[in-house]
Amino acid sequence: MPHSRDPRLASIGSLIKSGEIKTFSNIFKHIPKSVIAKSMNWGVSRLETVMDNPGKLTMEECYELGKLMKVKGDKVMMLVAGEVMGRK
């Protein structure tokens, strides 16, 4: 469950909608990892897991991230899928 919504997350949503952010890891070029971790109520271990392998994100987590960033969860899933496919 998301913990709290940092106002910087809305700007990430705008960058996703504009197409400037094309992969999950691009998010972290625009906002500190700690903001995502705190907002998602993730510990260091979970954050490292999803950064190393975004494919480990659950559908629920994608939708929670989407809510926080004010984008649809399926858009977050597309970012993740694009990154996972790009690594193969």
Protein backbone atom coordinates (compact mmCIF):
# COMPACT_ATOMS: atom_id res chain seq x y z
CA MET A 1 0.00 0.00 0.00
CA PRO A 2 1.26 3.48 -0.76
CA HIS A 3 2.35 5.37 2.33
CA SER A 4 2.10 9.01 1.30
CA ARG A 5 2.10 11.05 -1.85
CA ASP A 6 5.09 13.31 -2.42
CA PRO A 7 4.09 16.28 -4.60
CA ARG A 8 7.08 15.62 -6.90
CA LEU A 9 5.38 12.43 -8.06
CA ALA A 10 2.80 14.41 -10.04
CA SER A 11 5.60 15.91 -12.13
CA ILE A 12 6.81 12.38 -12.90
CA GLY A 13 3.30 11.55 -14.09
CA SER A 14 3.39 14.54 -16.42
CA LEU A 15 6.74 13.39 -17.84
CA ILE A 16 5.33 9.91 -18.39
CA LYS A 17 2.26 11.30 -20.15
CA SER A 18 4.42 13.53 -22.38
CA GLY A 19 6.58 10.56 -23.38
CA GLU A 20 9.76 11.98 -21.87
CA ILE A 21 9.96 9.00 -19.50
CA LYS A 22 9.97 5.82 -21.57
CA THR A 23 11.20 3.16 -19.10
CA PHE A 24 10.82 2.42 -15.42
CA SER A 25 14.45 3.29 -14.67
CA ASN A 26 14.03 6.71 -16.34
CA ILE A 27 11.82 7.67 -13.40
CA PHE A 28 14.88 7.71 -11.16
CA LYS A 29 16.65 10.25 -13.37
CA HIS A 30 13.99 12.74 -12.31
CA ILE A 31 13.21 11.88 -8.70
CA PRO A 32 15.26 10.38 -5.86
CA LYS A 33 14.87 6.66 -5.26
CA SER A 34 14.10 7.45 -1.63
CA VAL A 35 10.94 9.33 -2.63
CA ILE A 36 9.55 6.29 -4.45
CA ALA A 37 10.60 3.96 -1.63
CA LYS A 38 9.00 6.12 1.06
CA SER A 39 5.83 6.74 -0.95
CA MET A 40 5.44 3.01 -1.60
CA ASN A 41 6.44 2.10 1.95
CA TRP A 42 9.28 -0.05 0.61
CA GLY A 43 12.43 -0.99 2.44
CA VAL A 44 15.90 -0.84 0.89
CA SER A 45 15.75 -4.51 -0.11
CA ARG A 46 12.49 -4.14 -2.07
CA LEU A 47 13.70 -0.96 -3.77
CA GLU A 48 16.94 -2.64 -4.86
CA THR A 49 15.00 -5.65 -6.16
CA VAL A 50 12.72 -3.59 -8.40
CA MET A 51 15.55 -1.36 -9.58
CA ASP A 52 17.66 -4.38 -10.56
CA ASN A 53 14.72 -6.25 -12.05
CA PRO A 54 11.60 -4.15 -12.71
CA GLY A 55 9.85 -7.32 -13.86
CA LYS A 56 9.57 -8.21 -10.17
CA LEU A 57 7.01 -5.43 -9.67
CA THR A 58 3.56 -6.82 -9.03
CA MET A 59 0.53 -5.60 -10.91
CA GLU A 60 -0.74 -4.15 -7.65
CA GLU A 61 2.49 -2.19 -7.18
CA CYS A 62 2.26 -0.86 -10.74
CA TYR A 63 -1.25 0.40 -10.07
CA GLU A 64 -0.19 1.90 -6.73
CA LEU A 65 2.70 3.70 -8.42
CA GLY A 66 0.30 4.89 -11.10
CA LYS A 67 -2.02 6.36 -8.49
CA LEU A 68 0.85 8.16 -6.82
CA MET A 69 2.05 9.60 -10.14
CA LYS A 70 -1.47 10.30 -11.41
CA VAL A 71 -1.18 7.96 -14.40
CA LYS A 72 -2.97 4.71 -15.16
CA GLY A 73 -1.41 1.59 -13.72
CA ASP A 74 -1.26 0.01 -17.15
CA LYS A 75 1.00 2.88 -18.24
CA VAL A 76 3.42 1.95 -15.44
CA MET A 77 3.22 -1.67 -16.56
CA MET A 78 4.11 -0.57 -20.10
CA LEU A 79 7.18 1.27 -18.76
CA VAL A 80 8.22 -1.86 -16.91
CA ALA A 81 7.54 -4.11 -19.90
CA GLY A 82 9.51 -1.84 -22.20
CA GLU A 83 12.48 -2.01 -19.91
CA VAL A 84 12.29 -5.76 -19.35
CA MET A 85 12.03 -6.41 -23.10
CA GLY A 86 14.85 -3.96 -23.79
CA ARG A 87 17.19 -5.87 -21.49
CA LYS A 88 16.75 -9.15 -23.38
